[in-house]
N, C-alpha and C. Protein backbone atom coordinates (compact mmCIF):
# COMPACT_ATOMS: atom_id res chain seq x y z
N MET A 1 1.06 -1.24 -0.06
CA MET A 1 0.10 -0.11 0.05
C MET A 1 0.78 1.47 -0.02
N GLU A 2 0.51 2.03 -0.50
CA GLU A 2 1.21 3.55 -0.80
C GLU A 2 0.44 4.56 0.21
N ILE A 3 1.81 5.09 0.76
CA ILE A 3 1.28 5.84 2.01
C ILE A 3 1.07 7.20 1.59
N PRO A 4 0.04 8.45 1.46
CA PRO A 4 -0.49 9.20 0.59
C PRO A 4 0.25 9.67 0.89
N GLU A 5 0.41 11.08 0.12
CA GLU A 5 1.34 12.62 0.33
C GLU A 5 0.90 13.32 1.55
N GLY A 6 2.20 13.24 2.60
CA GLY A 6 1.90 14.54 3.45
C GLY A 6 1.77 13.26 5.02
N PHE A 7 1.94 12.13 4.90
CA PHE A 7 1.79 11.17 6.30
C PHE A 7 3.22 10.85 6.38
N GLU A 8 3.98 10.50 7.51
CA GLU A 8 4.62 9.38 7.53
C GLU A 8 4.17 8.46 8.09
N LYS A 9 5.21 7.55 8.05
CA LYS A 9 4.97 5.91 8.64
C LYS A 9 5.69 6.16 10.03
N ILE A 10 4.65 5.18 10.94
CA ILE A 10 5.20 5.18 12.50
C ILE A 10 5.04 3.65 13.17
N GLU A 11 5.75 3.03 13.69
CA GLU A 11 5.89 1.72 14.58
C GLU A 11 4.93 1.88 14.79
N ALA A 12 3.90 1.15 15.33
CA ALA A 12 2.48 1.07 16.00
C ALA A 12 2.06 -0.75 15.80
N SER A 13 1.62 -1.19 17.15
CA SER A 13 1.42 -2.58 17.40
C SER A 13 -0.61 -2.31 16.60
N VAL A 14 -1.13 -3.72 16.68
CA VAL A 14 -2.85 -3.75 16.66
C VAL A 14 -2.86 -5.18 16.98
N TYR A 15 -4.20 -4.76 18.01
CA TYR A 15 -4.27 -5.93 18.81
C TYR A 15 -5.94 -6.28 18.46
N ARG A 16 -6.32 -7.61 18.49
CA ARG A 16 -7.67 -7.67 18.13
C ARG A 16 -8.27 -8.21 19.06
N ASN A 17 -9.45 -8.39 19.65
CA ASN A 17 -10.91 -8.77 20.63
C ASN A 17 -12.32 -8.68 20.37
N GLY A 18 -12.35 -9.69 19.16
CA GLY A 18 -13.34 -10.25 18.68
C GLY A 18 -13.98 -8.97 17.56
N ASP A 19 -14.71 -7.97 17.81
CA ASP A 19 -15.42 -6.63 16.92
C ASP A 19 -14.46 -5.38 17.10
N GLU A 20 -13.42 -5.20 18.08
CA GLU A 20 -12.78 -4.24 18.08
C GLU A 20 -11.39 -4.40 18.12
N LEU A 21 -10.47 -3.52 17.64
CA LEU A 21 -9.29 -3.20 17.29
C LEU A 21 -8.74 -2.45 18.31
N LEU A 22 -7.02 -2.57 18.60
CA LEU A 22 -6.33 -1.60 19.87
C LEU A 22 -5.02 -1.27 18.92
N ILE A 23 -5.28 0.20 19.08
CA ILE A 23 -3.48 0.20 18.02
C ILE A 23 -2.85 0.97 19.22
N TRP A 24 -1.52 0.39 18.86
CA TRP A 24 -0.95 1.31 20.23
C TRP A 24 0.27 1.47 19.58
N GLY A 25 1.13 2.97 19.78
CA GLY A 25 2.06 3.22 19.31
C GLY A 25 2.87 4.27 20.49
N ASN A 26 3.85 4.80 19.32
CA ASN A 26 4.27 5.70 20.28
C ASN A 26 5.02 6.81 19.35
N LEU A 27 4.66 7.94 19.48
CA LEU A 27 4.98 9.03 18.18
C LEU A 27 6.20 10.43 19.21
N ASP A 28 7.02 10.42 18.02
CA ASP A 28 7.94 11.36 18.86
C ASP A 28 7.56 12.87 18.38
N PRO A 29 7.93 13.58 18.97
CA PRO A 29 8.63 13.85 20.27
C PRO A 29 6.81 14.18 21.22
N GLU A 30 5.75 13.77 21.18
CA GLU A 30 4.66 13.67 21.41
C GLU A 30 4.58 12.19 22.61
N GLY A 31 4.90 11.19 22.09
CA GLY A 31 4.96 9.84 23.11
C GLY A 31 4.06 9.37 22.87
N PRO A 32 3.41 8.25 23.91
CA PRO A 32 2.86 7.03 23.08
C PRO A 32 1.29 7.69 23.12
N PHE A 33 0.37 7.11 22.08
CA PHE A 33 -0.85 6.36 22.03
C PHE A 33 -1.32 5.40 21.69
N ALA A 34 -2.49 5.56 22.07
CA ALA A 34 -3.49 4.44 22.69
C ALA A 34 -4.94 4.56 21.67
N ILE A 35 -5.27 3.89 20.37
CA ILE A 35 -6.94 3.81 19.74
C ILE A 35 -7.80 2.72 19.62
N ARG A 36 -8.46 2.74 20.03
CA ARG A 36 -9.57 1.76 20.52
C ARG A 36 -10.67 1.82 19.49
N ILE A 37 -11.04 0.69 18.35
CA ILE A 37 -11.71 1.37 17.13
C ILE A 37 -12.67 0.12 17.31
N ARG A 38 -14.20 0.67 17.45
CA ARG A 38 -15.16 -1.17 17.16
C ARG A 38 -15.74 -0.81 15.77
N LEU A 39 -15.54 -2.07 15.20
CA LEU A 39 -15.90 -2.42 13.71
C LEU A 39 -17.21 -2.74 13.39
N GLY A 40 -17.50 -2.14 12.66
CA GLY A 40 -18.75 -1.85 12.11
C GLY A 40 -19.22 -2.58 10.68
N PRO A 41 -20.28 -2.69 10.42
CA PRO A 41 -20.78 -3.29 9.01
C PRO A 41 -19.76 -2.87 7.74
N ALA A 42 -20.29 -3.31 6.60
CA ALA A 42 -19.75 -2.86 5.64
C ALA A 42 -20.01 -1.88 5.20
N PRO A 43 -19.53 -0.70 4.74
CA PRO A 43 -20.81 -0.01 3.84
C PRO A 43 -21.44 -0.67 3.47
N GLY A 44 -23.16 0.18 3.45
CA GLY A 44 -24.18 -0.29 2.61
C GLY A 44 -24.03 -1.60 2.89
N ASP A 45 -23.97 -2.23 4.04
CA ASP A 45 -24.47 -3.45 4.66
C ASP A 45 -24.83 -3.01 6.14
N PRO A 46 -26.49 -2.98 6.29
CA PRO A 46 -27.00 -2.34 7.45
C PRO A 46 -26.95 -3.44 8.51
N GLY A 47 -26.14 -4.78 7.98
CA GLY A 47 -26.11 -5.98 9.27
C GLY A 47 -27.74 -6.46 9.83
N PRO A 48 -27.68 -6.75 10.80
CA PRO A 48 -28.90 -7.96 11.08
C PRO A 48 -30.21 -6.76 11.50
N PRO A 49 -31.40 -6.45 11.65
CA PRO A 49 -31.83 -5.88 11.57
C PRO A 49 -32.39 -5.60 12.98
N PRO A 50 -33.05 -4.93 13.97
CA PRO A 50 -33.04 -4.54 14.93
C PRO A 50 -34.48 -6.16 15.33
N ASP A 51 -34.38 -6.51 16.84
CA ASP A 51 -35.41 -7.33 17.13
C ASP A 51 -36.85 -6.96 16.77
N GLY A 52 -37.78 -7.35 16.04
CA GLY A 52 -39.03 -7.37 16.21
C GLY A 52 -39.33 -6.32 14.71
N TYR A 53 -38.56 -6.54 13.79
CA TYR A 53 -38.43 -5.48 12.40
C TYR A 53 -37.87 -6.16 11.49
N GLU A 54 -38.01 -5.55 10.19
CA GLU A 54 -36.83 -6.31 9.65
C GLU A 54 -36.34 -5.92 8.24
N TRP A 55 -35.71 -5.44 7.42
CA TRP A 55 -35.61 -4.20 7.16
C TRP A 55 -36.61 -4.22 5.52
N THR A 56 -36.44 -2.89 4.88
CA THR A 56 -37.49 -3.29 3.23
C THR A 56 -36.67 -3.09 2.31
N GLY A 57 -34.96 -2.61 2.50
CA GLY A 57 -33.99 -2.40 1.78
C GLY A 57 -34.42 -1.45 0.78
N GLU A 58 -35.00 -0.39 1.45
CA GLU A 58 -35.30 1.25 0.66
C GLU A 58 -34.36 2.34 1.61
N VAL A 59 -33.78 2.84 0.86
CA VAL A 59 -32.92 3.76 1.91
C VAL A 59 -33.81 5.75 1.01
N ARG A 60 -34.91 5.90 1.91
CA ARG A 60 -35.13 7.42 1.45
C ARG A 60 -35.60 7.76 2.48
N PRO A 61 -36.58 9.20 2.59
CA PRO A 61 -37.23 9.60 3.50
C PRO A 61 -38.03 9.15 3.72
N PRO A 62 -38.48 9.09 5.33
CA PRO A 62 -39.95 8.11 5.72
C PRO A 62 -40.91 8.57 5.56
N LYS A 63 -41.99 8.06 5.29
CA LYS A 63 -43.26 8.97 5.24
C LYS A 63 -43.90 8.83 7.26
N LYS A 64 -45.16 9.92 6.98
CA LYS A 64 -45.36 9.62 8.66
C LYS A 64 -46.09 8.14 8.69
N GLY A 65 -45.68 7.16 10.20
CA GLY A 65 -45.85 6.46 10.80
C GLY A 65 -44.54 5.63 10.46
N GLU A 66 -44.05 5.50 9.27
CA GLU A 66 -42.64 3.95 8.96
C GLU A 66 -41.71 4.59 9.80
N TYR A 67 -41.41 3.19 10.16
CA TYR A 67 -40.21 3.11 11.03
C TYR A 67 -38.93 3.24 10.41
N PHE A 68 -37.95 3.61 10.79
CA PHE A 68 -36.29 3.58 9.95
C PHE A 68 -35.81 3.88 10.84
N TRP A 69 -34.56 3.22 11.02
CA TRP A 69 -33.20 3.37 11.71
C TRP A 69 -32.38 4.47 12.03
N SER A 70 -32.55 5.00 12.74
CA SER A 70 -31.67 6.25 12.88
C SER A 70 -30.08 6.34 13.49
N ASP A 71 -29.07 6.67 12.89
CA ASP A 71 -27.98 5.96 12.85
C ASP A 71 -27.30 7.72 14.26
N PHE A 72 -28.36 8.71 14.02
CA PHE A 72 -28.08 9.95 14.87
C PHE A 72 -28.52 9.10 16.33
N LYS A 73 -29.34 8.59 16.79
CA LYS A 73 -30.03 8.03 17.55
C LYS A 73 -29.50 7.10 18.25
N GLY A 74 -29.35 5.74 17.31
CA GLY A 74 -28.77 4.78 17.40
C GLY A 74 -30.04 3.75 17.74
N ARG A 75 -31.05 4.17 17.39
CA ARG A 75 -32.66 2.98 17.81
C ARG A 75 -33.15 3.59 16.47
N VAL A 76 -34.62 2.38 16.63
CA VAL A 76 -35.69 2.33 15.52
C VAL A 76 -36.30 3.98 15.95
N VAL A 77 -36.97 4.44 15.27
CA VAL A 77 -37.94 5.56 15.00
C VAL A 77 -39.30 5.58 14.39
N CYS A 78 -40.15 5.80 14.66
CA CYS A 78 -41.12 6.16 14.15
C CYS A 78 -40.93 7.60 13.47
N ALA A 79 -41.24 7.67 12.14
CA ALA A 79 -41.53 9.41 11.76
C ALA A 79 -43.33 9.83 12.18
N ILE A 80 -42.59 10.81 12.36
CA ILE A 80 -43.95 11.67 13.18
C ILE A 80 -44.38 12.50 12.10
N ASP A 81 -44.40 13.07 10.71
CA ASP A 81 -44.50 13.66 9.62
C ASP A 81 -43.56 12.81 8.50
N ASP A 82 -44.31 12.99 7.35
CA ASP A 82 -43.41 12.69 6.69
C ASP A 82 -42.53 13.96 5.97
N GLU A 83 -40.79 12.94 6.07
CA GLU A 83 -39.99 13.44 6.02
C GLU A 83 -39.31 13.96 4.43
N THR A 84 -39.13 15.13 4.07
CA THR A 84 -38.53 15.92 2.51
C THR A 84 -37.66 15.08 1.96
N GLY A 85 -36.49 14.97 2.98
CA GLY A 85 -35.47 14.86 2.46
C GLY A 85 -34.51 15.73 2.75
N PHE A 86 -35.19 17.07 3.33
CA PHE A 86 -34.21 18.49 3.36
C PHE A 86 -34.49 18.66 4.61
N ASN A 87 -33.22 19.37 5.36
CA ASN A 87 -33.80 20.07 7.04
C ASN A 87 -33.89 21.54 6.31
N ARG A 88 -34.59 22.36 7.70
CA ARG A 88 -34.77 23.07 8.30
C ARG A 88 -33.81 24.45 7.17
N LEU A 89 -32.93 23.78 6.55
CA LEU A 89 -31.95 24.91 5.98
C LEU A 89 -31.86 24.90 4.75
N GLY A 90 -32.69 23.96 3.99
CA GLY A 90 -32.39 23.23 2.45
C GLY A 90 -31.46 22.84 2.14
N GLU A 91 -30.84 22.08 3.48
CA GLU A 91 -29.53 20.91 3.10
C GLU A 91 -30.55 19.34 2.49
N PRO A 92 -29.86 18.68 1.67
CA PRO A 92 -30.42 17.40 2.00
C PRO A 92 -29.82 17.07 3.26
N THR A 93 -30.71 15.97 3.26
CA THR A 93 -30.58 15.26 4.35
C THR A 93 -29.95 13.50 4.15
N GLY A 94 -30.41 13.54 3.32
CA GLY A 94 -30.02 11.88 2.25
C GLY A 94 -31.17 11.29 3.16
N GLY A 95 -31.24 9.72 2.60
CA GLY A 95 -32.58 8.80 3.52
C GLY A 95 -31.96 8.17 4.54
N ARG A 96 -33.34 7.59 4.80
CA ARG A 96 -33.16 6.48 6.51
C ARG A 96 -33.02 4.84 5.70
N LYS A 97 -32.80 4.42 6.74
CA LYS A 97 -32.78 3.01 5.74
C LYS A 97 -33.76 2.33 6.39
N ILE A 98 -35.13 2.20 6.02
CA ILE A 98 -36.88 1.76 6.14
C ILE A 98 -37.14 0.34 6.47
N LEU A 99 -37.58 0.33 7.84
CA LEU A 99 -37.94 -0.76 8.63
C LEU A 99 -40.07 -1.11 8.53
N ARG A 100 -39.63 -2.26 8.62
CA ARG A 100 -41.37 -2.81 8.56
C ARG A 100 -41.35 -3.56 9.89
N PRO A 101 -42.38 -3.67 10.80
CA PRO A 101 -42.72 -4.57 12.07
C PRO A 101 -42.56 -6.02 11.51
N VAL A 102 -42.23 -6.92 12.34
CA VAL A 102 -42.36 -8.98 12.14
C VAL A 102 -43.52 -8.99 12.71
N ALA A 103 -44.32 -9.62 12.38
CA ALA A 103 -45.82 -10.22 13.97
C ALA A 103 -44.36 -10.88 14.75
N PRO A 104 -44.89 -11.38 15.53
CA PRO A 104 -44.25 -11.91 16.78
C PRO A 104 -44.60 -13.55 16.56
N PRO A 105 -43.45 -14.35 16.50
CA PRO A 105 -43.76 -15.68 16.34
C PRO A 105 -44.89 -15.94 17.55
N GLU A 106 -45.52 -17.43 15.96
CA GLU A 106 -47.28 -17.31 17.19
C GLU A 106 -46.34 -18.49 18.32
N ASP A 107 -47.55 -18.58 19.11
CA ASP A 107 -47.13 -19.19 20.57
C ASP A 107 -47.56 -20.63 20.16
N PRO A 108 -46.61 -21.68 20.44
CA PRO A 108 -46.66 -23.28 20.17
C PRO A 108 -47.89 -23.65 20.89
N LYS A 109 -48.11 -23.15 22.24
CA LYS A 109 -49.30 -23.42 23.37
C LYS A 109 -50.95 -23.49 22.28
N LYS A 110 -51.19 -22.46 21.47
CA LYS A 110 -51.97 -22.03 20.94
C LYS A 110 -52.53 -22.58 20.01
N LYS A 111 -51.86 -24.06 19.39
CA LYS A 111 -51.68 -24.58 18.14
C LYS A 111 -52.41 -26.07 18.38
N PHE A 112 -52.28 -26.22 19.65
CA PHE A 112 -52.79 -27.89 19.96
C PHE A 112 -53.70 -27.83 20.80
N ARG A 113 -54.09 -28.64 20.44
CA ARG A 113 -56.40 -28.59 20.87
C ARG A 113 -55.76 -30.10 21.83
N ILE A 114 -56.49 -30.04 23.01
CA ILE A 114 -57.05 -31.24 23.91
C ILE A 114 -58.09 -31.83 23.56
N VAL A 115 -58.48 -32.53 23.15
CA VAL A 115 -59.45 -33.41 22.94
C VAL A 115 -59.06 -34.70 23.75
N ARG A 116 -60.52 -34.83 24.45
CA ARG A 116 -60.73 -35.88 25.68
C ARG A 116 -61.63 -37.31 24.51
N ASP A 117 -60.46 -38.33 25.52
CA ASP A 117 -61.48 -39.56 25.07
C ASP A 117 -62.04 -40.45 26.05
N GLU A 118 -63.29 -40.39 25.27
CA GLU A 118 -64.13 -40.96 26.22
C GLU A 118 -64.51 -42.26 26.05
N GLY A 119 -63.48 -43.16 24.97
CA GLY A 119 -63.75 -44.98 25.36
C GLY A 119 -62.05 -45.06 25.91
């Protein structure tokens, strides 16, 4: 890999624990440093949906009552109004990853009917 212009190579060690990386090194004359990074899904891959929801595959401004993933809040949000895709200053906000609620799994106890045998 070619080092981009303006950067200098430093010696550092990288350690991994599951989806976390720890990068440790020493800058001269500033001294030692450590950086902790959590790895996330690849760009364009939203990863598994939150419990009780499924991804629709759409990325657009949500309509009133639709559920979407908020990167800012880090949780599922229900749209209060139709979003236009622009903020109050007229700047584009981009799309949201749209979710739909999934019906809860059927209760297996309700599938069986007890029948009394009189014979």
